[in-house]
């Protein structure tokens, strides 16, 4: 008799933590402030007079760059984690979801030890705070990891066979860990040795 495919399980992403909220709002406010000189010069009629135009161009270009950075990170912000059959799916706002085959997952565990990131241990990152934590990071002493998270207090580490571990932040981390472990049990056996489900080992 053919086994019934388990129903997909969906997990909301945890809301932004206080650090991410401050970074996001701070960059948004900075972009707005940088546009004020250009607006003032435009309203006063001096926008294209002497060095005023150069200064206005520089501040406006900086503001546009910050706005682009905000939009980029908003576009890739995770919105939901889905355990669907043979895949772990990470849905994002405006770009295609990430799909990780469960056969490539070798371990999953809570990663509360990294709640102090990025204050401690951060060596290199793509985005450490704007609408969350996204992209490749390098942490000491864990090495390379890939974040698709929004809240440091709800971090879960998902180890993979060949790629850097994933750091996610479901709103119900314990239930997510249990569900992913159970889903892995239904996957065909592989020759890859099981990794120990501890944060310091899963994230190596």
Protein backbone atom coordinates (compact mmCIF):
# COMPACT_ATOMS: atom_id res chain seq x y z
CA UNK A 1 0.00 0.00 0.00
CA UNK A 2 1.41 3.39 -0.98
CA UNK A 3 2.28 5.66 1.96
CA UNK A 4 0.23 8.83 2.28
CA UNK A 5 2.18 12.03 1.82
CA UNK A 6 2.16 14.05 5.08
CA UNK A 7 0.25 17.31 4.97
CA UNK A 8 2.31 20.48 4.61
CA UNK A 9 3.05 22.26 7.87
CA UNK A 10 3.36 26.04 7.89
CA UNK A 11 5.13 28.17 10.46
CA UNK A 12 4.93 31.94 10.69
CA UNK A 13 8.14 33.90 10.92
CA UNK A 14 8.81 35.59 14.26
CA UNK A 15 8.34 39.40 14.28
CA UNK A 16 11.40 41.63 14.08
CA UNK A 17 13.36 41.83 17.30
CA UNK A 18 14.15 45.19 18.89
CA UNK A 19 17.62 45.42 17.32
CA UNK A 20 16.29 44.84 13.80
CA UNK A 21 13.49 47.34 14.38
CA UNK A 22 15.98 50.02 15.45
CA UNK A 23 18.31 49.39 12.52
CA UNK A 24 15.47 49.40 9.99
CA UNK A 25 13.80 52.54 11.32
CA UNK A 26 17.18 54.27 11.74
CA UNK A 27 18.18 53.75 8.11
CA UNK A 28 14.72 54.82 6.95
CA UNK A 29 14.95 58.05 8.97
CA UNK A 30 18.50 58.70 7.75
CA UNK A 31 17.37 58.46 4.13
CA UNK A 32 14.59 60.93 4.80
CA UNK A 33 16.91 63.37 6.54
CA UNK A 34 19.39 63.24 3.65
CA UNK A 35 16.66 64.38 1.27
CA UNK A 36 15.90 67.51 3.31
CA UNK A 37 18.80 69.66 1.97
CA UNK A 38 17.76 68.99 -1.63
CA UNK A 39 14.14 69.81 -0.79
CA UNK A 40 15.16 73.02 0.98
CA UNK A 41 17.39 74.14 -1.91
CA UNK A 42 14.64 73.35 -4.41
CA UNK A 43 12.04 75.34 -2.51
CA UNK A 44 14.43 78.29 -2.06
CA UNK A 45 15.45 78.32 -5.72
CA UNK A 46 19.15 77.63 -5.06
CA UNK A 47 19.19 73.98 -6.14
CA UNK A 48 21.18 74.64 -9.32
CA UNK A 49 23.36 77.45 -8.00
CA UNK A 50 27.12 76.93 -7.46
CA UNK A 51 28.22 74.12 -5.19
CA UNK A 52 24.68 73.68 -3.90
CA UNK A 53 23.85 71.41 -6.83
CA UNK A 54 26.86 69.17 -6.09
CA UNK A 55 25.97 68.84 -2.42
CA UNK A 56 22.34 68.17 -3.23
CA UNK A 57 23.32 65.51 -5.75
CA UNK A 58 25.57 63.72 -3.25
CA UNK A 59 22.98 63.66 -0.45
CA UNK A 60 20.19 62.65 -2.82
CA UNK A 61 22.31 59.83 -4.29
CA UNK A 62 23.09 58.58 -0.78
CA UNK A 63 19.40 58.66 0.12
CA UNK A 64 18.50 56.72 -3.04
CA UNK A 65 21.16 54.11 -2.25
CA UNK A 66 19.74 53.65 1.26
CA UNK A 67 16.24 53.35 -0.17
CA UNK A 68 17.43 50.69 -2.62
CA UNK A 69 19.08 48.78 0.25
CA UNK A 70 15.83 48.89 2.22
CA UNK A 71 13.78 47.66 -0.74
CA UNK A 72 16.24 44.84 -1.47
CA UNK A 73 16.14 43.54 2.08
CA UNK A 74 12.38 43.90 2.29
CA UNK A 75 12.07 41.85 -0.91
CA UNK A 76 14.06 38.91 0.51
CA UNK A 77 12.58 39.05 4.02
CA UNK A 78 11.24 35.59 4.97
CA UNK A 79 7.50 35.45 5.62
CA UNK A 80 6.82 31.75 6.25
CA UNK A 81 8.57 28.41 6.66
CA UNK A 82 6.81 25.42 5.14
CA UNK A 83 7.63 21.73 5.61
CA UNK A 84 6.06 20.26 2.49
CA UNK A 85 6.68 16.64 1.62
CA UNK A 86 10.32 16.35 0.60
CA UNK A 87 11.27 20.02 1.01
CA UNK A 88 11.70 22.78 3.51
CA UNK A 89 10.38 25.91 1.78
CA UNK A 90 11.29 29.44 2.86
CA UNK A 91 8.78 31.89 1.43
CA UNK A 92 9.97 35.46 0.91
CA UNK A 93 8.10 38.69 0.16
CA UNK A 94 8.93 39.58 -3.43
CA UNK A 95 11.36 36.95 -4.65
CA UNK A 96 11.05 33.25 -5.31
CA UNK A 97 11.06 30.94 -2.28
CA UNK A 98 14.07 28.91 -1.23
CA UNK A 99 13.52 25.15 -1.46
CA UNK A 100 15.80 22.86 0.54
CA UNK A 101 15.41 19.11 -0.05
CA UNK A 102 14.94 17.33 3.26
CA UNK A 103 17.36 14.63 2.13
CA UNK A 104 20.09 17.31 2.36
CA UNK A 105 19.17 18.22 5.96
CA UNK A 106 21.40 16.44 8.46
CA UNK A 107 20.27 18.02 11.71
CA UNK A 108 18.07 20.66 13.30
CA UNK A 109 18.13 22.25 16.74
CA UNK A 110 17.39 25.49 18.60
CA UNK A 111 20.23 27.99 18.30
CA UNK A 112 19.71 30.19 21.33
CA UNK A 113 23.48 30.44 21.77
CA UNK A 114 23.54 32.93 18.89
CA UNK A 115 21.01 35.36 20.38
CA UNK A 116 23.86 37.85 21.04
CA UNK A 117 24.62 38.14 17.31
CA UNK A 118 25.53 40.64 15.85
CA UNK A 119 26.85 42.18 19.06
CA UNK A 120 29.23 39.26 19.57
CA UNK A 121 30.80 36.83 17.16
CA UNK A 122 29.92 38.54 13.87
CA UNK A 123 32.85 38.56 11.44
CA UNK A 124 31.13 39.20 8.12
CA UNK A 125 27.53 39.51 6.93
CA UNK A 126 25.28 40.49 4.06
CA UNK A 127 22.51 42.10 6.11
CA UNK A 128 22.61 42.16 9.89
CA UNK A 129 19.42 43.93 10.86
CA UNK A 130 17.49 45.62 8.03
CA UNK A 131 14.12 43.84 8.02
CA UNK A 132 15.88 40.98 9.76
CA UNK A 133 19.02 38.97 9.11
CA UNK A 134 19.50 37.68 5.60
CA UNK A 135 22.19 36.17 3.43
CA UNK A 136 25.62 34.68 4.11
CA UNK A 137 27.25 35.38 7.47
CA UNK A 138 30.49 34.34 9.10
CA UNK A 139 30.31 33.87 12.85
CA UNK A 140 32.96 33.03 15.40
CA UNK A 141 33.37 30.25 16.38
CA UNK A 142 30.73 28.65 14.13
CA UNK A 143 32.04 29.58 10.68
CA UNK A 144 29.88 30.18 7.61
CA UNK A 145 26.09 30.15 7.94
CA UNK A 146 23.16 31.44 5.89
CA UNK A 147 20.48 33.52 7.61
CA UNK A 148 16.82 33.78 6.61
CA UNK A 149 15.64 35.10 9.96
CA UNK A 150 13.95 38.05 11.63
CA UNK A 151 14.38 37.49 15.36
CA UNK A 152 17.52 36.44 17.26
CA UNK A 153 15.49 35.10 20.19
CA UNK A 154 13.83 32.42 18.04
CA UNK A 155 16.76 31.09 16.05
CA UNK A 156 16.79 27.52 14.78
CA UNK A 157 19.83 25.96 13.07
CA UNK A 158 19.31 23.59 10.13
CA UNK A 159 22.47 21.74 9.10
CA UNK A 160 22.89 20.62 5.49
CA UNK A 161 25.07 18.08 3.70
CA UNK A 162 27.15 20.34 1.50
CA UNK A 163 25.93 23.91 2.03
CA UNK A 164 26.32 26.21 5.04
CA UNK A 165 23.78 25.72 7.83
CA UNK A 166 20.56 27.73 7.70
CA UNK A 167 19.54 30.00 10.57
CA UNK A 168 15.78 30.51 10.69
CA UNK A 169 13.44 32.19 13.17
CA UNK A 170 9.99 30.57 13.31
CA UNK A 171 7.54 32.08 15.78
CA UNK A 172 7.20 28.60 17.37
CA UNK A 173 10.77 27.31 17.29
CA UNK A 174 10.22 24.16 19.40
CA UNK A 175 7.28 23.02 17.29
CA UNK A 176 9.24 23.76 14.12
CA UNK A 177 12.20 21.68 15.30
CA UNK A 178 9.95 18.75 16.22
CA UNK A 179 8.06 18.94 12.92
CA UNK A 180 11.24 19.06 10.83
CA UNK A 181 12.78 16.16 12.74
CA UNK A 182 9.65 14.10 12.18
CA UNK A 183 9.59 14.99 8.48
CA UNK A 184 13.21 13.88 8.13
CA UNK A 185 12.33 10.49 9.59
CA UNK A 186 10.09 9.84 6.57
CA UNK A 187 12.89 10.54 4.10
CA UNK A 188 14.81 7.70 2.40
CA UNK A 189 17.97 6.71 4.24
CA UNK A 190 21.23 8.22 2.95
CA UNK A 191 24.86 7.45 3.47
CA UNK A 192 25.41 10.83 5.16
CA UNK A 193 26.17 10.46 8.88
CA UNK A 194 23.73 12.11 11.25
CA UNK A 195 24.99 15.26 12.92
CA UNK A 196 24.42 15.87 16.60
CA UNK A 197 21.49 18.24 17.19
CA UNK A 198 23.34 20.80 19.31
CA UNK A 199 23.65 24.46 18.32
CA UNK A 200 27.43 24.49 18.50
CA UNK A 201 27.70 21.41 16.29
CA UNK A 202 24.80 21.96 13.93
CA UNK A 203 26.22 25.33 12.89
CA UNK A 204 29.75 24.24 12.10
